[in-house]
């Protein structure tokens, strides 16, 4: 499980425990209050008895106050940990998990790399080296496409990633077996350029869905 999974479980468990502690604290305060009812009458006139009477009443008052304060503290902590748990779950559902993030970022760079190699082959610039580089990059892209979307995401988020992974896998697998001769065919080349455009469209949707900063990725190139 990821850190966010553990955070959610820990915070939610803590919230439930604080609910139990709050209930126990108020139950004890209620019990103390029942004991205090015996001291609602006037204190005895006898000095010793009066002193003992007032001492016990004050002690019970303080005990009741401590129990109620502890109950309110537990309620506050329950609210804080509960909100923390649901926020961590919301964050988990709407943001890329570490392995998904790496796959999206790396496939972004690899897709651009593929376009560079295809352009080199199209312009007949060291075609032998370019086709070798293309196969290598395409194989790496295909490996990222075999990944499954993190199940903790929203259903729509999982579908968006699944579609994108399928596109980069197909592009990578198909390009990894191409030769200079097949890619010299204009129709074949145009077909792969269109496939790359589809990948980039899907990529843009992933970036928008998960709020990925493309400008930051471009700066790291």
N, C-alpha and C. Protein backbone atom coordinates (compact mmCIF):
# COMPACT_ATOMS: atom_id res chain seq x y z
N UNK A 1 0.84 -1.21 0.00
CA UNK A 1 0.00 0.00 0.00
C UNK A 1 0.87 1.26 0.00
N UNK A 2 0.34 2.33 -0.57
CA UNK A 2 1.08 3.59 -0.64
C UNK A 2 1.00 4.33 0.69
N UNK A 3 1.79 5.41 0.78
CA UNK A 3 1.79 6.24 2.00
C UNK A 3 0.40 6.84 2.22
N UNK A 4 -0.25 7.25 1.11
CA UNK A 4 -1.59 7.84 1.23
C UNK A 4 -2.61 6.82 1.73
N UNK A 5 -2.45 5.55 1.32
CA UNK A 5 -3.34 4.48 1.82
C UNK A 5 -3.21 4.37 3.33
N UNK A 6 -1.94 4.32 3.78
CA UNK A 6 -1.69 4.19 5.22
C UNK A 6 -2.19 5.43 5.96
N UNK A 7 -2.00 6.60 5.36
CA UNK A 7 -2.47 7.85 5.99
C UNK A 7 -3.97 7.82 6.19
N UNK A 8 -4.69 7.39 5.14
CA UNK A 8 -6.15 7.33 5.22
C UNK A 8 -6.60 6.36 6.30
N UNK A 9 -6.00 5.18 6.32
CA UNK A 9 -6.37 4.15 7.31
C UNK A 9 -6.07 4.63 8.73
N UNK A 10 -4.86 5.22 8.91
CA UNK A 10 -4.45 5.69 10.24
C UNK A 10 -5.35 6.81 10.74
N UNK A 11 -5.61 7.79 9.87
CA UNK A 11 -6.44 8.93 10.27
C UNK A 11 -7.88 8.51 10.55
N UNK A 12 -8.42 7.62 9.70
CA UNK A 12 -9.80 7.18 9.90
C UNK A 12 -9.91 6.35 11.19
N UNK A 13 -8.92 5.49 11.43
CA UNK A 13 -8.91 4.68 12.66
C UNK A 13 -8.82 5.58 13.89
N UNK A 14 -7.98 6.62 13.78
CA UNK A 14 -7.84 7.57 14.89
C UNK A 14 -9.16 8.28 15.15
N UNK A 15 -9.84 8.68 14.09
CA UNK A 15 -11.13 9.36 14.23
C UNK A 15 -12.13 8.47 14.96
N UNK A 16 -12.16 7.20 14.61
CA UNK A 16 -13.09 6.26 15.26
C UNK A 16 -12.74 6.07 16.74
N UNK A 17 -11.43 6.03 17.02
CA UNK A 17 -10.99 5.89 18.41
C UNK A 17 -11.39 7.12 19.23
N UNK A 18 -11.23 8.29 18.65
CA UNK A 18 -11.61 9.52 19.35
C UNK A 18 -13.12 9.57 19.60
N UNK A 19 -13.91 8.99 18.70
CA UNK A 19 -15.35 8.90 18.92
C UNK A 19 -15.63 8.05 20.16
N UNK A 20 -14.93 6.92 20.26
CA UNK A 20 -15.11 6.03 21.42
C UNK A 20 -14.67 6.71 22.71
N UNK A 21 -13.51 7.41 22.65
CA UNK A 21 -13.01 8.10 23.84
C UNK A 21 -13.97 9.21 24.27
N UNK A 22 -14.52 9.93 23.28
CA UNK A 22 -15.47 11.01 23.59
C UNK A 22 -16.71 10.43 24.25
N UNK A 23 -17.21 9.33 23.71
CA UNK A 23 -18.39 8.69 24.30
C UNK A 23 -18.13 8.24 25.72
N UNK A 24 -16.93 7.66 25.96
CA UNK A 24 -16.57 7.21 27.30
C UNK A 24 -16.46 8.39 28.26
N UNK A 25 -15.84 9.48 27.78
CA UNK A 25 -15.66 10.66 28.62
C UNK A 25 -17.01 11.25 29.04
N UNK A 26 -17.94 11.36 28.10
CA UNK A 26 -19.26 11.92 28.43
C UNK A 26 -20.07 10.97 29.30
N UNK A 27 -19.85 9.67 29.12
CA UNK A 27 -20.53 8.68 29.97
C UNK A 27 -20.05 8.81 31.41
N UNK A 28 -18.73 8.99 31.58
CA UNK A 28 -18.17 9.17 32.92
C UNK A 28 -18.66 10.48 33.53
N UNK A 29 -18.74 11.54 32.68
CA UNK A 29 -19.22 12.84 33.17
C UNK A 29 -20.67 12.73 33.63
N UNK A 30 -21.46 11.94 32.91
CA UNK A 30 -22.87 11.73 33.28
C UNK A 30 -22.95 11.00 34.62
N UNK A 31 -22.08 9.99 34.78
CA UNK A 31 -22.06 9.22 36.03
C UNK A 31 -21.63 10.11 37.20
N UNK A 32 -20.63 10.97 36.96
CA UNK A 32 -20.16 11.89 38.00
C UNK A 32 -21.25 12.89 38.38
N UNK A 33 -21.99 13.32 37.36
CA UNK A 33 -23.08 14.27 37.60
C UNK A 33 -24.16 13.66 38.49
N UNK A 34 -24.41 12.36 38.32
CA UNK A 34 -25.39 11.67 39.17
C UNK A 34 -24.93 11.66 40.63
N UNK A 35 -23.62 11.47 40.79
CA UNK A 35 -23.06 11.50 42.15
C UNK A 35 -23.19 12.89 42.77
N UNK A 36 -23.04 13.89 41.90
CA UNK A 36 -23.11 15.28 42.39
C UNK A 36 -24.50 15.65 42.90
N UNK A 37 -25.53 14.96 42.41
CA UNK A 37 -26.90 15.28 42.83
C UNK A 37 -27.07 15.11 44.33
N UNK A 38 -26.26 14.24 44.92
CA UNK A 38 -26.34 14.03 46.37
C UNK A 38 -25.82 15.25 47.14
N UNK A 39 -25.07 16.10 46.41
CA UNK A 39 -24.47 17.26 47.06
C UNK A 39 -25.18 18.57 46.71
N UNK A 40 -26.38 18.44 46.11
CA UNK A 40 -27.12 19.66 45.77
C UNK A 40 -27.77 20.31 46.99
N UNK A 41 -27.97 19.51 48.00
CA UNK A 41 -28.60 20.04 49.21
C UNK A 41 -27.63 20.96 49.96
N UNK A 42 -28.11 21.59 50.98
CA UNK A 42 -27.28 22.49 51.78
C UNK A 42 -26.22 21.69 52.54
N UNK A 43 -25.04 22.25 52.70
CA UNK A 43 -24.00 21.55 53.47
C UNK A 43 -24.40 21.38 54.94
N UNK A 44 -23.91 20.32 55.57
CA UNK A 44 -24.22 20.12 57.00
C UNK A 44 -23.70 21.29 57.84
N UNK A 45 -24.28 21.49 59.00
CA UNK A 45 -23.86 22.58 59.87
C UNK A 45 -22.61 22.21 60.65
N UNK A 46 -22.44 20.93 60.89
CA UNK A 46 -21.26 20.48 61.62
C UNK A 46 -20.01 20.84 60.83
N UNK A 47 -19.02 21.42 61.52
CA UNK A 47 -17.84 21.95 60.83
C UNK A 47 -17.07 20.87 60.06
N UNK A 48 -16.81 19.73 60.70
CA UNK A 48 -16.04 18.66 60.06
C UNK A 48 -16.81 18.07 58.87
N UNK A 49 -18.10 17.81 59.14
CA UNK A 49 -18.92 17.24 58.06
C UNK A 49 -19.07 18.22 56.90
N UNK A 50 -19.22 19.49 57.24
CA UNK A 50 -19.37 20.52 56.20
C UNK A 50 -18.10 20.59 55.33
N UNK A 51 -16.95 20.53 56.03
CA UNK A 51 -15.67 20.60 55.31
C UNK A 51 -15.52 19.41 54.36
N UNK A 52 -15.85 18.21 54.85
CA UNK A 52 -15.76 17.00 54.04
C UNK A 52 -16.76 17.05 52.87
N UNK A 53 -17.95 17.56 53.19
CA UNK A 53 -19.02 17.68 52.19
C UNK A 53 -18.59 18.59 51.03
N UNK A 54 -18.08 19.77 51.38
CA UNK A 54 -17.65 20.73 50.35
C UNK A 54 -16.44 20.22 49.56
N UNK A 55 -15.55 19.52 50.28
CA UNK A 55 -14.36 18.97 49.61
C UNK A 55 -14.75 17.92 48.55
N UNK A 56 -15.67 17.05 48.94
CA UNK A 56 -16.12 16.01 48.00
C UNK A 56 -16.87 16.62 46.82
N UNK A 57 -17.71 17.64 47.12
CA UNK A 57 -18.46 18.29 46.04
C UNK A 57 -17.52 18.99 45.05
N UNK A 58 -16.53 19.69 45.59
CA UNK A 58 -15.57 20.38 44.71
C UNK A 58 -14.76 19.38 43.89
N UNK A 59 -14.40 18.28 44.54
CA UNK A 59 -13.64 17.24 43.84
C UNK A 59 -14.45 16.65 42.69
N UNK A 60 -15.74 16.38 42.94
CA UNK A 60 -16.61 15.84 41.90
C UNK A 60 -16.85 16.85 40.78
N UNK A 61 -16.97 18.14 41.18
CA UNK A 61 -17.14 19.20 40.17
C UNK A 61 -15.94 19.26 39.23
N UNK A 62 -14.75 19.22 39.83
CA UNK A 62 -13.52 19.26 39.01
C UNK A 62 -13.40 18.01 38.13
N UNK A 63 -13.78 16.87 38.71
CA UNK A 63 -13.72 15.62 37.95
C UNK A 63 -14.67 15.67 36.75
N UNK A 64 -15.89 16.16 37.01
CA UNK A 64 -16.88 16.28 35.94
C UNK A 64 -16.38 17.24 34.85
N UNK A 65 -15.76 18.35 35.27
CA UNK A 65 -15.24 19.34 34.32
C UNK A 65 -14.13 18.74 33.47
N UNK A 66 -13.23 17.99 34.11
CA UNK A 66 -12.14 17.34 33.37
C UNK A 66 -12.68 16.34 32.36
N UNK A 67 -13.67 15.55 32.77
CA UNK A 67 -14.25 14.55 31.88
C UNK A 67 -14.95 15.19 30.68
N UNK A 68 -15.69 16.27 30.95
CA UNK A 68 -16.37 16.97 29.85
C UNK A 68 -15.35 17.60 28.89
N UNK A 69 -14.31 18.23 29.48
CA UNK A 69 -13.27 18.85 28.64
C UNK A 69 -12.57 17.80 27.77
N UNK A 70 -12.31 16.64 28.37
CA UNK A 70 -11.68 15.56 27.62
C UNK A 70 -12.61 15.08 26.50
N UNK A 71 -13.90 15.04 26.79
CA UNK A 71 -14.87 14.65 25.77
C UNK A 71 -14.89 15.62 24.60
N UNK A 72 -14.87 16.93 24.92
CA UNK A 72 -14.87 17.95 23.86
C UNK A 72 -13.56 17.91 23.06
N UNK A 73 -12.46 17.65 23.77
CA UNK A 73 -11.16 17.54 23.10
C UNK A 73 -11.17 16.37 22.11
N UNK A 74 -11.75 15.25 22.55
CA UNK A 74 -11.83 14.07 21.69
C UNK A 74 -12.71 14.33 20.45
N UNK A 75 -13.79 15.09 20.66
CA UNK A 75 -14.66 15.44 19.52
C UNK A 75 -13.89 16.30 18.52
N UNK A 76 -13.12 17.27 19.06
CA UNK A 76 -12.31 18.14 18.19
C UNK A 76 -11.29 17.31 17.41
N UNK A 77 -10.61 16.40 18.10
CA UNK A 77 -9.61 15.56 17.44
C UNK A 77 -10.27 14.61 16.44
N UNK A 78 -11.47 14.15 16.75
CA UNK A 78 -12.22 13.29 15.82
C UNK A 78 -12.52 14.05 14.53
N UNK A 79 -12.93 15.32 14.68
CA UNK A 79 -13.22 16.14 13.50
C UNK A 79 -11.97 16.39 12.67
N UNK A 80 -10.86 16.69 13.35
CA UNK A 80 -9.61 16.97 12.64
C UNK A 80 -9.08 15.74 11.91
N UNK A 81 -9.05 14.60 12.61
CA UNK A 81 -8.53 13.38 11.98
C UNK A 81 -9.49 12.86 10.91
N UNK A 82 -10.81 13.04 11.15
CA UNK A 82 -11.79 12.63 10.16
C UNK A 82 -11.65 13.44 8.88
N UNK A 83 -11.52 14.77 9.05
CA UNK A 83 -11.33 15.64 7.87
C UNK A 83 -10.02 15.30 7.17
N UNK A 84 -9.00 15.03 7.96
CA UNK A 84 -7.70 14.66 7.38
C UNK A 84 -7.80 13.37 6.57
N UNK A 85 -8.55 12.41 7.10
CA UNK A 85 -8.72 11.12 6.41
C UNK A 85 -9.44 11.31 5.08
N UNK A 86 -10.53 12.08 5.10
CA UNK A 86 -11.30 12.27 3.87
C UNK A 86 -10.56 13.15 2.87
N UNK A 87 -9.74 14.09 3.37
CA UNK A 87 -8.94 14.90 2.45
C UNK A 87 -7.87 14.04 1.77
N UNK A 88 -7.22 13.17 2.56
CA UNK A 88 -6.19 12.30 1.98
C UNK A 88 -6.80 11.37 0.94
N UNK A 89 -8.03 10.91 1.21
CA UNK A 89 -8.72 10.04 0.24
C UNK A 89 -9.07 10.82 -1.02
N UNK A 90 -9.54 12.06 -0.84
CA UNK A 90 -9.87 12.91 -2.00
C UNK A 90 -8.61 13.18 -2.83
N UNK A 91 -7.52 13.50 -2.14
CA UNK A 91 -6.25 13.77 -2.84
C UNK A 91 -5.80 12.54 -3.61
N UNK A 92 -5.94 11.38 -2.97
CA UNK A 92 -5.56 10.12 -3.58
C UNK A 92 -6.38 9.83 -4.84
N UNK A 93 -7.66 10.18 -4.80
CA UNK A 93 -8.56 9.89 -5.91
C UNK A 93 -8.36 10.84 -7.10
N UNK A 94 -7.79 12.02 -6.83
CA UNK A 94 -7.71 13.03 -7.89
C UNK A 94 -6.29 13.37 -8.32
N UNK A 95 -5.29 12.69 -7.76
CA UNK A 95 -3.90 12.96 -8.13
C UNK A 95 -3.19 11.66 -8.52
N UNK A 96 -2.19 11.82 -9.38
CA UNK A 96 -1.44 10.65 -9.86
C UNK A 96 -0.60 10.05 -8.74
N UNK A 97 -0.66 8.74 -8.64
CA UNK A 97 0.19 8.00 -7.72
C UNK A 97 1.61 7.99 -8.31
N UNK A 98 2.63 7.77 -7.47
CA UNK A 98 4.03 7.91 -7.88
C UNK A 98 4.38 7.13 -9.16
N UNK A 99 3.97 5.86 -9.25
CA UNK A 99 4.33 5.05 -10.42
C UNK A 99 3.58 5.52 -11.67
N UNK A 100 2.32 5.95 -11.49
CA UNK A 100 1.57 6.51 -12.63
C UNK A 100 2.20 7.82 -13.09
N UNK A 101 2.62 8.63 -12.13
CA UNK A 101 3.25 9.90 -12.45
C UNK A 101 4.52 9.69 -13.26
N UNK A 102 5.32 8.71 -12.84
CA UNK A 102 6.56 8.42 -13.57
C UNK A 102 6.26 7.94 -14.99
N UNK A 103 5.26 7.07 -15.12
CA UNK A 103 4.89 6.54 -16.44
C UNK A 103 4.43 7.65 -17.38
N UNK A 104 3.64 8.58 -16.86
CA UNK A 104 3.12 9.68 -17.69
C UNK A 104 4.25 10.62 -18.10
N UNK A 105 5.12 10.95 -17.15
CA UNK A 105 6.23 11.87 -17.44
C UNK A 105 7.20 11.25 -18.45
N UNK A 106 7.58 9.99 -18.21
CA UNK A 106 8.54 9.33 -19.11
C UNK A 106 7.95 9.13 -20.50
N UNK A 107 6.68 8.77 -20.57
CA UNK A 107 6.04 8.57 -21.89
C UNK A 107 5.93 9.90 -22.64
N UNK A 108 5.82 11.00 -21.89
CA UNK A 108 5.79 12.34 -22.50
C UNK A 108 7.10 12.60 -23.23
N UNK A 109 8.23 12.33 -22.56
CA UNK A 109 9.54 12.55 -23.18
C UNK A 109 9.80 11.55 -24.31
N UNK A 110 9.40 10.31 -24.10
CA UNK A 110 9.64 9.27 -25.11
C UNK A 110 8.85 9.54 -26.39
N UNK A 111 7.62 10.04 -26.24
CA UNK A 111 6.80 10.36 -27.41
C UNK A 111 7.46 11.45 -28.26
N UNK A 112 8.00 12.47 -27.58
CA UNK A 112 8.72 13.53 -28.30
C UNK A 112 9.97 12.97 -28.98
N UNK A 113 10.64 12.05 -28.29
CA UNK A 113 11.84 11.40 -28.85
C UNK A 113 11.51 10.62 -30.12
N UNK A 114 10.38 9.92 -30.08
CA UNK A 114 9.94 9.15 -31.25
C UNK A 114 9.71 10.06 -32.44
N UNK A 115 9.08 11.20 -32.18
CA UNK A 115 8.82 12.15 -33.26
C UNK A 115 10.12 12.65 -33.88
N UNK A 116 11.13 12.87 -33.06
CA UNK A 116 12.45 13.32 -33.55
C UNK A 116 13.07 12.25 -34.44
N UNK A 117 13.02 10.98 -34.00
CA UNK A 117 13.62 9.89 -34.78
C UNK A 117 12.86 9.68 -36.10
N UNK A 118 11.55 9.79 -36.07
CA UNK A 118 10.76 9.65 -37.31
C UNK A 118 11.09 10.77 -38.30
N UNK A 119 11.29 11.97 -37.77
CA UNK A 119 11.65 13.11 -38.63
C UNK A 119 13.01 12.88 -39.27
N UNK A 120 13.95 12.34 -38.48
CA UNK A 120 15.29 12.04 -39.00
C UNK A 120 15.22 10.99 -40.11
N UNK A 121 14.40 9.96 -39.91
CA UNK A 121 14.26 8.91 -40.92
C UNK A 121 13.60 9.49 -42.18
N UNK A 122 12.61 10.32 -41.97
CA UNK A 122 11.90 10.93 -43.10
C UNK A 122 12.83 11.83 -43.92
N UNK A 123 13.75 12.50 -43.23
CA UNK A 123 14.71 13.39 -43.90
C UNK A 123 15.98 12.67 -44.33
N UNK A 124 15.99 11.33 -44.09
CA UNK A 124 17.15 10.50 -44.46
C UNK A 124 18.43 10.97 -43.78
N UNK A 125 18.29 11.31 -42.49
CA UNK A 125 19.44 11.74 -41.70
C UNK A 125 19.92 10.58 -40.83
N UNK A 126 21.00 9.93 -41.28
CA UNK A 126 21.57 8.78 -40.56
C UNK A 126 20.47 7.78 -40.19
N UNK A 127 19.80 7.28 -41.21
CA UNK A 127 18.62 6.43 -41.02
C UNK A 127 18.90 5.18 -40.19
N UNK A 128 20.09 4.60 -40.38
CA UNK A 128 20.41 3.36 -39.65
C UNK A 128 20.45 3.60 -38.14
N UNK A 129 21.11 4.70 -37.75
CA UNK A 129 21.17 5.03 -36.32
C UNK A 129 19.79 5.43 -35.81
N UNK A 130 19.04 6.17 -36.62
CA UNK A 130 17.71 6.65 -36.20
C UNK A 130 16.74 5.51 -35.99
N UNK A 131 16.78 4.49 -36.88
CA UNK A 131 15.85 3.36 -36.73
C UNK A 131 16.19 2.55 -35.48
N UNK A 132 17.50 2.47 -35.18
CA UNK A 132 17.93 1.76 -33.97
C UNK A 132 17.43 2.52 -32.73
N UNK A 133 17.61 3.84 -32.75
CA UNK A 133 17.13 4.66 -31.63
C UNK A 133 15.61 4.57 -31.50
N UNK A 134 14.94 4.58 -32.65
CA UNK A 134 13.47 4.52 -32.66
C UNK A 134 12.97 3.23 -32.01
N UNK A 135 13.59 2.11 -32.36
CA UNK A 135 13.16 0.82 -31.78
C UNK A 135 13.37 0.80 -30.27
N UNK A 136 14.51 1.35 -29.86
CA UNK A 136 14.82 1.37 -28.42
C UNK A 136 13.80 2.23 -27.66
N UNK A 137 13.57 3.44 -28.16
CA UNK A 137 12.62 4.35 -27.52
C UNK A 137 11.21 3.78 -27.54
N UNK A 138 10.82 3.18 -28.68
CA UNK A 138 9.48 2.61 -28.83
C UNK A 138 9.26 1.46 -27.85
N UNK A 139 10.31 0.64 -27.66
CA UNK A 139 10.21 -0.50 -26.71
C UNK A 139 10.01 0.01 -25.28
N UNK A 140 10.73 1.07 -24.95
CA UNK A 140 10.58 1.65 -23.61
C UNK A 140 9.19 2.24 -23.43
N UNK A 141 8.68 2.88 -24.47
CA UNK A 141 7.34 3.45 -24.41
C UNK A 141 6.30 2.35 -24.22
N UNK A 142 6.46 1.25 -24.95
CA UNK A 142 5.52 0.13 -24.85
C UNK A 142 5.51 -0.46 -23.43
N UNK A 143 6.68 -0.46 -22.78
CA UNK A 143 6.76 -1.02 -21.42
C UNK A 143 5.95 -0.19 -20.44
N UNK A 144 5.92 1.13 -20.62
CA UNK A 144 5.11 1.99 -19.75
C UNK A 144 3.62 1.78 -20.03
N UNK A 145 3.31 1.40 -21.28
CA UNK A 145 1.91 1.19 -21.65
C UNK A 145 1.29 -0.05 -21.05
N UNK A 146 2.12 -0.95 -20.51
CA UNK A 146 1.59 -2.19 -19.91
C UNK A 146 1.10 -1.96 -18.48
N UNK A 147 1.34 -0.76 -17.96
CA UNK A 147 0.98 -0.46 -16.58
C UNK A 147 -0.54 -0.38 -16.39
N UNK A 148 -1.00 -0.75 -15.22
CA UNK A 148 -2.41 -0.61 -14.85
C UNK A 148 -2.57 0.66 -14.01
N UNK A 149 -3.64 1.39 -14.26
CA UNK A 149 -3.91 2.61 -13.49
C UNK A 149 -4.13 2.26 -12.02
N UNK A 150 -3.68 3.15 -11.15
CA UNK A 150 -3.83 2.95 -9.71
C UNK A 150 -5.32 2.84 -9.34
N UNK A 151 -5.73 1.76 -8.68
CA UNK A 151 -7.15 1.54 -8.37
C UNK A 151 -7.76 2.53 -7.39
N UNK A 152 -6.91 3.32 -6.70
CA UNK A 152 -7.43 4.29 -5.75
C UNK A 152 -7.97 5.56 -6.40
N UNK A 153 -7.74 5.71 -7.71
CA UNK A 153 -8.24 6.89 -8.43
C UNK A 153 -9.74 6.79 -8.65
N UNK A 154 -10.34 7.91 -9.04
CA UNK A 154 -11.76 7.89 -9.39
C UNK A 154 -11.94 6.99 -10.62
N UNK A 155 -13.16 6.54 -10.84
CA UNK A 155 -13.43 5.67 -11.99
C UNK A 155 -13.08 6.37 -13.30
N UNK A 156 -13.42 7.66 -13.40
CA UNK A 156 -13.12 8.43 -14.61
C UNK A 156 -11.61 8.58 -14.79
N UNK A 157 -10.90 8.80 -13.67
CA UNK A 157 -9.44 8.92 -13.72
C UNK A 157 -8.79 7.64 -14.20
N UNK A 158 -9.29 6.50 -13.71
CA UNK A 158 -8.75 5.20 -14.13
C UNK A 158 -8.99 4.96 -15.62
N UNK A 159 -10.18 5.33 -16.11
CA UNK A 159 -10.50 5.15 -17.53
C UNK A 159 -9.60 6.02 -18.41
N UNK A 160 -9.37 7.26 -17.96
CA UNK A 160 -8.52 8.19 -18.72
C UNK A 160 -7.11 7.64 -18.84
N UNK A 161 -6.58 7.14 -17.73
CA UNK A 161 -5.22 6.57 -17.75
C UNK A 161 -5.17 5.28 -18.56
N UNK A 162 -6.20 4.44 -18.42
CA UNK A 162 -6.23 3.16 -19.15
C UNK A 162 -6.21 3.40 -20.66
N UNK A 163 -7.00 4.38 -21.11
CA UNK A 163 -7.02 4.71 -22.55
C UNK A 163 -5.65 5.20 -23.01
N UNK A 164 -5.03 6.03 -22.19
CA UNK A 164 -3.71 6.58 -22.56
C UNK A 164 -2.66 5.47 -22.60
N UNK A 165 -2.68 4.59 -21.60
CA UNK A 165 -1.72 3.49 -21.58
C UNK A 165 -1.89 2.58 -22.79
N UNK A 166 -3.13 2.35 -23.18
CA UNK A 166 -3.39 1.50 -24.35
C UNK A 166 -2.82 2.15 -25.62
N UNK A 167 -2.97 3.47 -25.74
CA UNK A 167 -2.46 4.18 -26.92
C UNK A 167 -0.94 4.14 -27.00
N UNK A 168 -0.26 4.40 -25.87
CA UNK A 168 1.21 4.41 -25.92
C UNK A 168 1.77 2.98 -26.08
N UNK A 169 1.04 2.00 -25.54
CA UNK A 169 1.49 0.61 -25.72
C UNK A 169 1.40 0.22 -27.20
N UNK A 170 0.28 0.49 -27.84
CA UNK A 170 0.11 0.14 -29.25
C UNK A 170 1.12 0.87 -30.13
N UNK A 171 1.33 2.16 -29.84
CA UNK A 171 2.30 2.93 -30.62
C UNK A 171 3.70 2.36 -30.45
N UNK A 172 4.06 2.08 -29.20
CA UNK A 172 5.40 1.55 -28.93
C UNK A 172 5.63 0.19 -29.55
N UNK A 173 4.66 -0.71 -29.40
CA UNK A 173 4.79 -2.08 -29.95
C UNK A 173 4.90 -2.04 -31.47
N UNK A 174 4.05 -1.25 -32.11
CA UNK A 174 4.06 -1.19 -33.58
C UNK A 174 5.35 -0.58 -34.13
N UNK A 175 5.85 0.48 -33.49
CA UNK A 175 7.06 1.13 -33.99
C UNK A 175 8.32 0.33 -33.70
N UNK A 176 8.28 -0.49 -32.66
CA UNK A 176 9.49 -1.24 -32.27
C UNK A 176 9.88 -2.30 -33.30
N UNK A 177 8.97 -2.63 -34.21
CA UNK A 177 9.28 -3.67 -35.22
C UNK A 177 9.39 -3.09 -36.63
N UNK A 178 9.39 -1.77 -36.74
CA UNK A 178 9.47 -1.14 -38.06
C UNK A 178 10.90 -1.12 -38.58
N UNK A 179 11.02 -1.00 -39.89
CA UNK A 179 12.32 -0.89 -40.55
C UNK A 179 12.36 0.41 -41.33
N UNK A 180 13.57 0.75 -41.79
CA UNK A 180 13.72 1.97 -42.59
C UNK A 180 12.88 1.88 -43.86
N UNK A 181 12.81 0.68 -44.43
CA UNK A 181 12.06 0.48 -45.68
C UNK A 181 10.56 0.72 -45.49
N UNK A 182 10.00 0.16 -44.41
CA UNK A 182 8.55 0.34 -44.20
C UNK A 182 8.20 1.80 -43.89
N UNK A 183 9.10 2.46 -43.17
CA UNK A 183 8.83 3.85 -42.79
C UNK A 183 9.12 4.83 -43.93
N UNK A 184 9.78 4.35 -44.99
CA UNK A 184 10.00 5.22 -46.15
C UNK A 184 8.72 5.38 -46.96
N UNK A 185 7.74 4.49 -46.68
CA UNK A 185 6.44 4.61 -47.32
C UNK A 185 5.70 5.80 -46.68
N UNK A 186 5.33 6.77 -47.48
CA UNK A 186 4.73 8.00 -46.99
C UNK A 186 3.44 7.75 -46.21
N UNK A 187 2.62 6.81 -46.69
CA UNK A 187 1.35 6.52 -46.01
C UNK A 187 1.59 5.92 -44.63
N UNK A 188 2.58 5.03 -44.55
CA UNK A 188 2.92 4.41 -43.27
C UNK A 188 3.40 5.48 -42.29
N UNK A 189 4.29 6.35 -42.78
CA UNK A 189 4.83 7.42 -41.94
C UNK A 189 3.72 8.35 -41.45
N UNK A 190 2.83 8.73 -42.37
CA UNK A 190 1.72 9.62 -41.99
C UNK A 190 0.79 8.96 -40.98
N UNK A 191 0.64 7.64 -41.12
CA UNK A 191 -0.20 6.90 -40.16
C UNK A 191 0.35 6.96 -38.75
N UNK A 192 1.69 6.84 -38.62
CA UNK A 192 2.31 6.90 -37.30
C UNK A 192 2.31 8.32 -36.74
N UNK A 193 2.44 9.30 -37.62
CA UNK A 193 2.38 10.69 -37.16
C UNK A 193 0.99 10.98 -36.58
N UNK A 194 -0.05 10.44 -37.24
CA UNK A 194 -1.41 10.61 -36.73
C UNK A 194 -1.59 9.89 -35.39
N UNK A 195 -0.95 8.71 -35.27
CA UNK A 195 -1.02 7.97 -34.00
C UNK A 195 -0.38 8.77 -32.87
N UNK A 196 0.73 9.45 -33.21
CA UNK A 196 1.41 10.28 -32.20
C UNK A 196 0.53 11.45 -31.80
N UNK A 197 -0.16 12.01 -32.77
CA UNK A 197 -1.08 13.12 -32.47
C UNK A 197 -2.20 12.66 -31.52
N UNK A 198 -2.68 11.42 -31.73
CA UNK A 198 -3.71 10.88 -30.84
C UNK A 198 -3.17 10.71 -29.43
N UNK A 199 -1.91 10.24 -29.35
CA UNK A 199 -1.27 10.08 -28.04
C UNK A 199 -1.15 11.43 -27.35
N UNK A 200 -0.77 12.45 -28.11
CA UNK A 200 -0.61 13.79 -27.52
C UNK A 200 -1.95 14.37 -27.07
N UNK A 201 -3.01 14.08 -27.82
CA UNK A 201 -4.35 14.52 -27.41
C UNK A 201 -4.76 13.85 -26.10
N UNK A 202 -4.47 12.54 -26.03
CA UNK A 202 -4.77 11.79 -24.81
C UNK A 202 -3.92 12.30 -23.66
N UNK A 203 -2.68 12.62 -23.97
CA UNK A 203 -1.74 13.16 -22.98
C UNK A 203 -2.26 14.47 -22.40
N UNK A 204 -2.77 15.32 -23.28
CA UNK A 204 -3.31 16.62 -22.84
C UNK A 204 -4.49 16.42 -21.89
N UNK A 205 -5.32 15.41 -22.18
CA UNK A 205 -6.46 15.13 -21.32
C UNK A 205 -6.00 14.64 -19.95
N UNK A 206 -4.97 13.80 -19.95
CA UNK A 206 -4.40 13.30 -18.68
C UNK A 206 -3.86 14.48 -17.87
N UNK A 207 -3.12 15.37 -18.53
CA UNK A 207 -2.54 16.54 -17.85
C UNK A 207 -3.64 17.41 -17.25
N UNK A 208 -4.73 17.60 -18.00
CA UNK A 208 -5.83 18.43 -17.52
C UNK A 208 -6.55 17.77 -16.35
N UNK A 209 -6.79 16.46 -16.47
CA UNK A 209 -7.51 15.72 -15.42
C UNK A 209 -6.74 15.73 -14.10
N UNK A 210 -5.41 15.52 -14.19
CA UNK A 210 -4.61 15.39 -12.97
C UNK A 210 -3.75 16.63 -12.68
N UNK A 211 -4.04 17.72 -13.42
CA UNK A 211 -3.37 19.01 -13.17
C UNK A 211 -1.84 18.88 -13.22
N UNK A 212 -1.36 18.26 -14.30
CA UNK A 212 0.09 18.13 -14.50
C UNK A 212 0.59 19.40 -15.19
N UNK A 213 1.68 19.95 -14.68
CA UNK A 213 2.25 21.18 -15.23
C UNK A 213 3.17 20.85 -16.41
N UNK A 214 2.64 20.98 -17.62
CA UNK A 214 3.43 20.64 -18.81
C UNK A 214 4.60 21.61 -19.00
N UNK A 215 4.41 22.86 -18.61
CA UNK A 215 5.49 23.85 -18.76
C UNK A 215 6.72 23.42 -17.96
N UNK A 216 6.48 22.86 -16.77
CA UNK A 216 7.60 22.39 -15.94
C UNK A 216 8.31 21.22 -16.60
N UNK A 217 7.55 20.35 -17.27
CA UNK A 217 8.15 19.20 -17.96
C UNK A 217 9.00 19.67 -19.15
N UNK A 218 8.52 20.69 -19.85
CA UNK A 218 9.27 21.21 -21.00
C UNK A 218 10.59 21.82 -20.56
N UNK A 219 10.58 22.45 -19.39
CA UNK A 219 11.81 23.09 -18.89
C UNK A 219 12.86 22.05 -18.50
N UNK A 220 12.41 20.83 -18.16
CA UNK A 220 13.34 19.79 -17.73
C UNK A 220 13.93 19.00 -18.90
N UNK A 221 13.47 19.28 -20.11
CA UNK A 221 13.97 18.54 -21.27
C UNK A 221 15.47 18.78 -21.47
